Amino acid sequence: CYLFLCLGDCQLHAACGIQKCTTDFVSFTSHLNVALEDFDLEFCKALRAYSACTYRNSKVCRGNLVYHSAVLGISDLMTQRNCTKDGPTSSTNPEMTHDPCSYSGHTEAGEHQGGEKTPPPTYLFCGLFGDPHLRTFEDHFQTCKVEGAWPLIDNNYLSVQVTNVPVVPGSSATATNKITIIFKSYQDCTDQKVYQAVTDDLPAAFVDGTTSGGDGSTRTLHIVERVSGKYVEMHARHIGTTVYVRQLGHYLTLAIRMPQELAMAYEESQDLQLCVSGCPSGERIDRSGHLPLPVVAKLPAQGGAAHPRSLYTLETATAKCHEKMLVKDIYFHSCVFDLLTTGDANFTAAAHSALQDVEALHPRKEHWHIFPRSQGGAVGRDSKFCVRLGFVCLIVIAFL
């Protein structure tokens, strides 16, 4: 719509390099992901490079409306992202310079090889919370016993092991009370770093007392404490990975986002990974991921004493979970299941936080919510379900 400007001043517009400035900015930012910790840092570097490029072209572009729009846009974005005017900038030759300690940098390098663009990397999500409930890299949802120590992830870059202990005597229900995470050494980017959390000890540092790995100025790997003793995040820029660890009540939860190509980089001997293949069939409590809402009947109390888990009925458990979660997806159903199984209201917060972690880390919004289905593939009606109450397994009817 500005072609008339060229009628008397074509040479001026030919000399204006605003299009090259904009193209470089797109190259600097196209690989960035807003969910990653270093997004603001890299975006501000790109904005400063963009600003410097427009400054170099200020004289030859002074009559170009696109140029003036770009200058105003850069100023607005720098204000929105709290970018300082002074600081590091992205390379003026993005095709040649890449950060070897940034996974996104490796992706960008792949885009420029042979002049062909490759698709952006695919990220996977895995989470563990509650009874425990597992969401695998393939978005399969399972409820498992898995008592003792089990590997969630064990590949060439990262190992995550959880330890689960019984929650209620006489029940197969377990929950996580220990998490060990090993970020393996990687080139010159970081030495091996080990993080360990146990119930009532959720540190904001690795076991060696440090809070980061790699060069101090770039912080290839670092820990961020969000809530003291209750919630920490680990950001590994060199492998594009983010890990959340929380303590809710007496137990721990974990959520992780990792590039698919790295998550699947493991040897044949590392085949036991719950995030990759799910729980072994002998450890599964659910039926193919199906957790219908149970209607719990009153059981005769042993020795005349009321069982502590009888404090919640289906109605009160449903109301309690509905306070935190409005959508009746599998996280809601897991919340009700855990309340009826354990009587511990902290499991409500665990299910709610697990869903929040999904919304923060899962790359595909349309997959955030998983809805339980019956074995026939539809939402279950009149489906039988075994509720674990003490030493009794009661067959009940679920009406959804």
Protein backbone atom coordinates (compact mmCIF):
# COMPACT_ATOMS: atom_id res chain seq x y z
CA CYS A 1 0.00 0.00 0.00
CA TYR A 2 3.05 2.29 0.06
CA LEU A 3 4.15 1.73 -3.55
CA PHE A 4 3.50 5.43 -4.35
CA LEU A 5 6.46 6.34 -2.15
CA CYS A 6 8.79 4.68 -4.61
CA LEU A 7 7.76 6.84 -7.53
CA GLY A 8 10.10 9.66 -6.61
CA ASP A 9 12.51 7.97 -4.24
CA CYS A 10 13.21 4.41 -5.30
CA GLN A 11 16.92 4.63 -4.62
CA LEU A 12 16.35 5.76 -1.03
CA HIS A 13 14.13 2.78 -0.30
CA ALA A 14 16.50 0.39 -2.04
CA ALA A 15 19.29 1.54 0.30
CA CYS A 16 17.17 1.22 3.46
CA GLY A 17 18.08 -1.98 5.27
CA ILE A 18 15.04 -2.28 7.54
CA GLN A 19 13.93 -5.50 5.84
CA LYS A 20 17.29 -7.14 6.66
CA CYS A 21 17.02 -5.90 10.27
CA THR A 22 13.58 -7.47 10.56
CA THR A 23 14.66 -10.72 8.90
CA ASP A 24 17.55 -11.06 11.36
CA PHE A 25 15.25 -10.41 14.31
CA VAL A 26 12.92 -13.17 13.12
CA SER A 27 15.93 -15.51 12.81
CA PHE A 28 17.02 -14.68 16.36
CA THR A 29 13.58 -15.31 17.89
CA SER A 30 11.84 -17.96 15.78
CA HIS A 31 13.30 -20.80 17.86
CA LEU A 32 12.56 -19.26 21.26
CA ASN A 33 9.87 -20.72 23.50
CA VAL A 34 8.13 -18.53 26.04
CA ALA A 35 7.87 -21.44 28.51
CA LEU A 36 11.65 -21.69 28.87
CA GLU A 37 13.49 -19.79 31.57
CA ASP A 38 15.94 -18.02 29.24
CA PHE A 39 13.22 -16.61 26.95
CA ASP A 40 13.36 -13.04 28.26
CA LEU A 41 17.18 -13.00 28.21
CA GLU A 42 17.41 -14.15 24.58
CA PHE A 43 14.46 -12.03 23.44
CA CYS A 44 16.03 -8.87 24.93
CA LYS A 45 19.33 -9.68 23.21
CA ALA A 46 17.49 -9.95 19.90
CA LEU A 47 15.63 -6.68 20.52
CA ARG A 48 18.88 -4.83 21.25
CA ALA A 49 20.39 -6.21 18.05
CA TYR A 50 17.25 -5.12 16.16
CA SER A 51 17.47 -1.64 17.69
CA ALA A 52 21.16 -1.32 16.80
CA CYS A 53 20.39 -2.33 13.21
CA THR A 54 17.66 0.30 12.90
CA TYR A 55 20.03 2.93 14.32
CA ARG A 56 22.64 2.12 11.67
CA ASN A 57 19.95 2.62 9.03
CA SER A 58 18.39 5.74 10.55
CA LYS A 59 19.62 8.15 7.88
CA VAL A 60 18.80 6.14 4.76
CA CYS A 61 15.46 4.96 6.20
CA ARG A 62 14.18 8.27 7.54
CA GLY A 63 11.40 8.45 4.91
CA ASN A 64 10.38 4.81 5.24
CA LEU A 65 7.13 4.22 7.17
CA VAL A 66 8.04 0.57 7.83
CA TYR A 67 11.26 1.75 9.47
CA HIS A 68 9.43 4.14 11.80
CA SER A 69 6.88 1.48 12.68
CA ALA A 70 9.72 -0.90 13.56
CA VAL A 71 11.41 1.68 15.81
CA LEU A 72 8.19 2.25 17.73
CA GLY A 73 7.52 -1.48 17.96
CA ILE A 74 11.00 -2.17 19.34
CA SER A 75 10.54 0.49 22.01
CA ASP A 76 7.19 -0.97 23.07
CA LEU A 77 8.55 -4.53 23.24
CA MET A 78 11.59 -3.48 25.26
CA THR A 79 9.27 -1.81 27.77
CA GLN A 80 6.99 -4.84 27.96
CA ARG A 81 9.91 -7.25 28.54
CA ASN A 82 11.80 -4.90 30.89
CA CYS A 83 14.80 -4.97 28.56
CA THR A 84 17.70 -2.62 29.30
CA LYS A 85 19.06 -0.55 26.41
CA ASP A 86 22.61 -1.58 27.27
CA GLY A 87 23.60 -5.21 27.33
CA PRO A 88 24.54 -8.19 25.14
CA THR A 89 23.04 -8.47 21.69
CA SER A 90 22.39 -11.36 19.37
CA SER A 91 24.98 -11.89 16.66
CA THR A 92 24.55 -9.74 13.56
CA ASN A 93 25.20 -12.90 11.56
CA PRO A 94 22.79 -15.49 12.97
CA GLU A 95 23.65 -17.98 10.25
CA MET A 96 27.21 -18.29 11.53
CA THR A 97 27.04 -17.92 15.33
CA HIS A 98 25.33 -20.37 17.64
CA ASP A 99 25.45 -20.96 21.37
CA PRO A 100 26.81 -24.50 21.90
CA CYS A 101 25.26 -24.56 25.40
CA SER A 102 21.75 -23.71 24.24
CA TYR A 103 19.50 -26.46 22.91
CA SER A 104 17.56 -23.85 20.95
CA GLY A 105 20.88 -22.76 19.44
CA HIS A 106 21.44 -26.27 18.09
CA THR A 107 17.97 -26.19 16.58
CA GLU A 108 18.64 -22.88 14.86
CA ALA A 109 21.87 -24.23 13.44
CA GLY A 110 19.95 -27.11 11.91
CA GLU A 111 17.57 -24.70 10.23
CA HIS A 112 20.35 -23.03 8.26
CA GLN A 113 22.20 -26.10 7.06
CA GLY A 114 21.76 -26.49 3.32
CA GLY A 115 19.46 -23.48 3.26
CA GLU A 116 16.48 -25.60 4.35
CA LYS A 117 14.36 -25.00 7.42
CA THR A 118 13.68 -27.93 9.70
CA PRO A 119 10.55 -28.11 11.87
CA PRO A 120 10.83 -26.73 15.41
CA PRO A 121 11.72 -29.30 18.07
CA THR A 122 9.00 -31.48 19.57
CA TYR A 123 8.72 -31.33 23.36
CA LEU A 124 7.34 -34.03 25.65
CA PHE A 125 5.77 -33.80 29.11
CA CYS A 126 5.79 -36.24 32.03
CA GLY A 127 4.29 -35.80 35.48
CA LEU A 128 3.88 -37.74 38.74
CA PHE A 129 1.66 -36.81 41.67
CA GLY A 130 -0.70 -38.21 44.27
CA ASP A 131 -1.39 -41.90 44.75
CA PRO A 132 0.82 -41.86 42.54
CA HIS A 133 -0.70 -40.93 39.22
CA LEU A 134 1.61 -40.95 36.22
CA ARG A 135 1.27 -39.06 32.96
CA THR A 136 3.74 -40.50 30.44
CA PHE A 137 5.52 -38.82 27.55
CA GLU A 138 2.77 -40.22 25.29
CA ASP A 139 0.03 -38.65 27.43
CA HIS A 140 -1.06 -42.01 28.83
CA PHE A 141 -2.50 -41.63 32.33
CA GLN A 142 -1.95 -44.42 34.85
CA THR A 143 -2.34 -44.99 38.58
CA CYS A 144 0.30 -47.31 39.99
CA LYS A 145 1.61 -48.93 43.18
CA VAL A 146 5.33 -48.81 42.33
CA GLU A 147 6.47 -49.01 45.95
CA GLY A 148 10.19 -48.42 46.45
CA ALA A 149 12.65 -46.78 44.04
CA TRP A 150 11.72 -46.50 40.34
CA PRO A 151 13.27 -44.67 37.36
CA LEU A 152 11.03 -42.13 35.70
CA ILE A 153 13.68 -41.04 33.17
CA ASP A 154 17.08 -42.55 32.34
CA ASN A 155 18.63 -41.30 29.11
CA ASN A 156 21.99 -39.98 27.95
CA TYR A 157 21.34 -36.52 29.40
CA LEU A 158 19.12 -36.89 32.45
CA SER A 159 18.15 -39.42 35.12
CA VAL A 160 15.16 -39.04 37.44
CA GLN A 161 14.37 -41.59 40.15
CA VAL A 162 11.47 -41.51 42.60
CA THR A 163 10.90 -43.46 45.80
CA ASN A 164 7.32 -44.25 46.82
CA VAL A 165 6.11 -45.38 50.23
CA PRO A 166 2.74 -46.72 51.48
CA VAL A 167 0.25 -44.01 52.43
CA VAL A 168 -2.34 -45.99 54.40
CA PRO A 169 -1.75 -49.28 56.26
CA GLY A 170 -3.47 -52.19 54.59
CA SER A 171 -3.76 -50.41 51.22
CA SER A 172 -1.66 -50.61 48.07
CA ALA A 173 -1.77 -46.80 47.77
CA THR A 174 1.69 -45.20 47.69
CA ALA A 175 3.03 -41.66 47.28
CA THR A 176 6.43 -40.12 46.54
CA ASN A 177 8.67 -39.11 49.45
CA LYS A 178 12.02 -38.85 47.63
CA ILE A 179 13.17 -37.58 44.22
CA THR A 180 16.71 -37.81 42.83
CA ILE A 181 17.61 -35.95 39.62
CA ILE A 182 20.96 -36.26 37.83
CA PHE A 183 21.86 -33.78 35.11
CA LYS A 184 24.70 -35.55 33.34
CA SER A 185 27.88 -33.73 32.30
CA TYR A 186 27.64 -32.24 28.83
CA GLN A 187 30.62 -31.04 26.80
CA ASP A 188 31.97 -27.80 28.30
CA CYS A 189 28.49 -26.60 29.28
CA THR A 190 28.09 -28.20 32.71
CA ASP A 191 29.58 -30.80 35.01
CA GLN A 192 27.33 -33.51 36.41
CA LYS A 193 24.89 -32.05 38.92
CA VAL A 194 22.75 -34.06 41.35
CA TYR A 195 19.60 -32.77 43.01
CA GLN A 196 17.82 -34.63 45.79
CA ALA A 197 14.60 -33.83 47.62
CA VAL A 198 12.94 -35.76 50.44
CA THR A 199 9.83 -35.01 52.46
CA ASP A 200 10.34 -31.83 54.51
CA ASP A 201 13.68 -31.14 52.79
CA LEU A 202 13.19 -29.49 49.40
CA PRO A 203 16.50 -27.63 48.91
CA ALA A 204 17.15 -24.75 46.53
CA ALA A 205 20.59 -26.14 45.63
CA PHE A 206 22.27 -29.22 44.24
CA VAL A 207 23.82 -31.72 46.66
CA ASP A 208 27.23 -30.03 46.22
CA GLY A 209 25.76 -26.76 47.53
CA THR A 210 25.79 -24.93 44.18
CA THR A 211 22.71 -23.48 42.50
CA SER A 212 23.92 -23.56 38.90
CA GLY A 213 26.09 -25.41 36.43
CA GLY A 214 28.29 -24.12 33.65
CA ASP A 215 29.82 -20.69 33.29
CA GLY A 216 28.63 -18.27 35.95
CA SER A 217 27.58 -15.63 33.41
CA THR A 218 25.50 -17.93 31.20
CA ARG A 219 24.12 -20.33 33.84
CA THR A 220 23.55 -23.24 31.50
CA LEU A 221 21.81 -25.07 34.35
CA HIS A 222 20.27 -23.41 37.39
CA ILE A 223 17.72 -23.77 40.19
CA VAL A 224 15.01 -21.23 40.97
CA GLU A 225 13.21 -21.39 44.33
CA ARG A 226 9.61 -20.25 43.88
CA VAL A 227 8.27 -21.08 47.37
CA SER A 228 10.78 -21.71 50.14
CA GLY A 229 10.89 -25.39 51.02
CA LYS A 230 7.82 -26.14 48.90
CA TYR A 231 8.44 -25.47 45.20
CA VAL A 232 11.60 -25.32 43.07
CA GLU A 233 12.26 -25.21 39.33
CA MET A 234 15.31 -26.48 37.47
CA HIS A 235 16.14 -25.07 34.05
CA ALA A 236 18.69 -26.86 31.87
CA ARG A 237 19.27 -24.62 28.86
CA HIS A 238 21.78 -26.95 27.21
CA ILE A 239 19.17 -29.71 26.88
CA GLY A 240 16.06 -27.50 26.65
CA THR A 241 14.62 -29.11 29.76
CA THR A 242 12.54 -27.75 32.64
CA VAL A 243 11.74 -29.62 35.87
CA TYR A 244 9.27 -28.64 38.62
CA VAL A 245 9.42 -30.28 42.08
CA ARG A 246 6.83 -29.52 44.77
CA GLN A 247 5.98 -30.70 48.26
CA LEU A 248 2.27 -30.80 49.09
CA GLY A 249 1.40 -32.25 52.47
CA HIS A 250 3.84 -35.03 53.25
CA TYR A 251 4.59 -36.01 49.65
CA LEU A 252 6.36 -34.75 46.53
CA THR A 253 5.23 -34.15 42.95
CA LEU A 254 7.27 -33.80 39.78
CA ALA A 255 6.66 -32.36 36.30
CA ILE A 256 9.14 -32.26 33.43
CA ARG A 257 9.31 -30.93 29.88
CA MET A 258 12.05 -32.26 27.58
CA PRO A 259 12.80 -32.34 23.83
CA GLN A 260 11.68 -35.60 22.26
CA GLU A 261 14.98 -36.32 20.52
CA LEU A 262 16.86 -36.13 23.84
CA ALA A 263 14.21 -37.97 25.88
CA MET A 264 14.44 -40.89 23.45
CA ALA A 265 18.26 -40.96 23.42
CA TYR A 266 18.98 -43.97 25.63
CA GLU A 267 20.62 -47.38 25.46
CA GLU A 268 18.83 -50.72 25.36
CA SER A 269 19.78 -51.34 28.98
CA GLN A 270 17.88 -48.18 30.00
CA ASP A 271 14.52 -49.51 28.85
CA LEU A 272 12.79 -49.29 32.27
CA GLN A 273 11.55 -45.71 32.36
CA LEU A 274 8.07 -44.98 33.65
CA CYS A 275 7.80 -41.72 31.67
CA VAL A 276 8.60 -43.61 28.46
CA SER A 277 6.77 -46.93 28.78
CA GLY A 278 4.50 -46.43 31.78
CA CYS A 279 4.21 -48.67 34.81
CA PRO A 280 4.63 -52.45 34.48
CA SER A 281 1.23 -54.13 34.22
CA GLY A 282 1.71 -55.82 37.61
CA GLU A 283 2.06 -52.39 39.25
CA ARG A 284 -1.04 -50.83 37.70
CA ILE A 285 -4.04 -50.05 39.90
CA ASP A 286 -6.28 -48.50 37.24
CA ARG A 287 -7.85 -50.26 34.31
CA SER A 288 -6.29 -48.82 31.17
CA GLY A 289 -6.24 -45.36 32.70
CA HIS A 290 -9.92 -45.49 33.68
CA LEU A 291 -10.66 -44.00 37.10
CA PRO A 292 -14.48 -43.66 37.47
CA LEU A 293 -15.94 -41.87 40.44
CA PRO A 294 -16.75 -44.55 43.02
CA VAL A 295 -19.84 -44.54 45.21
CA VAL A 296 -18.50 -45.79 48.52
CA ALA A 297 -20.79 -47.84 50.71
CA LYS A 298 -20.44 -47.93 54.46
CA LEU A 299 -18.31 -50.82 55.65
CA PRO A 300 -18.53 -52.48 59.05
CA ALA A 301 -15.67 -51.05 61.08
CA GLN A 302 -13.21 -53.55 62.49
CA GLY A 303 -13.23 -53.56 66.28
CA GLY A 304 -16.01 -50.97 66.33
CA ALA A 305 -13.67 -48.10 65.37
CA ALA A 306 -14.41 -45.90 62.41
CA HIS A 307 -11.87 -46.06 59.61
CA PRO A 308 -10.27 -42.63 59.02
CA ARG A 309 -10.96 -42.79 55.30
CA SER A 310 -14.70 -42.96 55.86
CA LEU A 311 -14.59 -39.22 56.58
CA TYR A 312 -15.10 -38.60 52.85
CA THR A 313 -18.10 -39.77 50.90
CA LEU A 314 -18.38 -39.45 47.15
CA GLU A 315 -20.39 -36.27 47.59
CA THR A 316 -17.99 -34.57 50.01
CA ALA A 317 -14.91 -35.67 48.06
CA THR A 318 -16.43 -34.37 44.84
CA ALA A 319 -17.28 -31.05 46.47
CA LYS A 320 -13.77 -30.74 47.92
CA CYS A 321 -12.10 -31.35 44.55
CA HIS A 322 -14.56 -29.07 42.77
CA GLU A 323 -13.30 -26.17 44.92
CA LYS A 324 -9.97 -26.33 43.05
CA MET A 325 -10.87 -27.89 39.69
CA LEU A 326 -13.92 -26.98 37.64
CA VAL A 327 -13.25 -29.33 34.71
CA LYS A 328 -14.05 -32.96 35.51
CA ASP A 329 -11.03 -34.39 33.72
CA ILE A 330 -8.72 -37.17 34.92
CA TYR A 331 -7.04 -34.80 37.39
CA PHE A 332 -10.40 -34.14 39.02
CA HIS A 333 -11.19 -37.86 39.11
CA SER A 334 -7.74 -38.58 40.57
CA CYS A 335 -8.39 -36.02 43.30
CA VAL A 336 -11.65 -37.71 44.28
CA PHE A 337 -10.02 -41.14 44.08
CA ASP A 338 -7.19 -40.04 46.39
CA LEU A 339 -9.53 -38.48 48.94
CA LEU A 340 -11.66 -41.62 49.11
CA THR A 341 -8.55 -43.79 49.34
CA THR A 342 -6.49 -41.82 51.86
CA GLY A 343 -8.70 -39.21 53.50
CA ASP A 344 -5.81 -36.73 53.12
CA ALA A 345 -7.01 -33.33 51.83
CA ASN A 346 -3.47 -32.45 50.71
CA PHE A 347 -4.01 -34.69 47.70
CA THR A 348 -6.53 -32.13 46.43
CA ALA A 349 -3.77 -29.51 46.23
CA ALA A 350 -1.48 -32.08 44.60
CA ALA A 351 -3.95 -32.78 41.79
CA HIS A 352 -4.61 -29.07 41.26
CA SER A 353 -0.89 -28.22 41.14
CA ALA A 354 -0.26 -31.12 38.76
CA LEU A 355 -2.80 -29.65 36.35
CA GLN A 356 -1.21 -26.20 36.70
CA ASP A 357 2.17 -27.74 35.83
CA VAL A 358 0.65 -29.32 32.74
CA GLU A 359 -0.67 -25.93 31.64
CA ALA A 360 2.76 -24.37 32.21
CA LEU A 361 4.90 -27.04 30.55
CA HIS A 362 2.86 -29.22 28.19
CA PRO A 363 3.50 -28.00 24.61
CA ARG A 364 0.01 -28.73 23.24
CA LYS A 365 -2.93 -26.96 24.84
CA GLU A 366 -5.46 -29.29 23.24
CA HIS A 367 -3.91 -32.17 25.22
CA TRP A 368 -3.93 -30.51 28.65
CA HIS A 369 -7.13 -32.20 29.76
CA ILE A 370 -7.51 -35.97 29.64
CA PHE A 371 -10.97 -37.41 30.19
CA PRO A 372 -11.48 -40.93 31.54
CA ARG A 373 -13.00 -43.46 29.21
CA SER A 374 -14.50 -46.85 29.85
CA GLN A 375 -12.91 -49.97 28.44
CA GLY A 376 -15.33 -49.72 25.56
CA GLY A 377 -13.91 -46.35 24.58
CA ALA A 378 -16.77 -44.16 25.87
CA VAL A 379 -17.28 -42.39 29.15
CA GLY A 380 -18.23 -45.16 31.56
CA ARG A 381 -21.74 -45.85 32.83
CA ASP A 382 -22.49 -48.56 35.38
CA SER A 383 -18.84 -49.59 35.25
CA LYS A 384 -17.48 -51.66 38.11
CA PHE A 385 -14.53 -50.40 40.08
CA CYS A 386 -12.57 -51.79 43.00
CA VAL A 387 -12.05 -49.26 45.80
CA ARG A 388 -9.17 -50.13 48.09
CA LEU A 389 -10.45 -49.71 51.65
CA GLY A 390 -8.28 -51.31 54.30
CA PHE A 391 -8.11 -55.03 53.66
CA VAL A 392 -11.44 -55.00 51.86
CA CYS A 393 -11.88 -54.61 48.15
CA LEU A 394 -15.40 -53.34 47.59
CA ILE A 395 -16.98 -53.58 44.18
CA VAL A 396 -19.03 -50.43 43.62
CA ILE A 397 -21.00 -48.87 40.82
CA ALA A 398 -19.85 -45.65 39.17
CA PHE A 399 -22.50 -43.35 37.74
CA LEU A 400 -20.91 -40.64 35.57
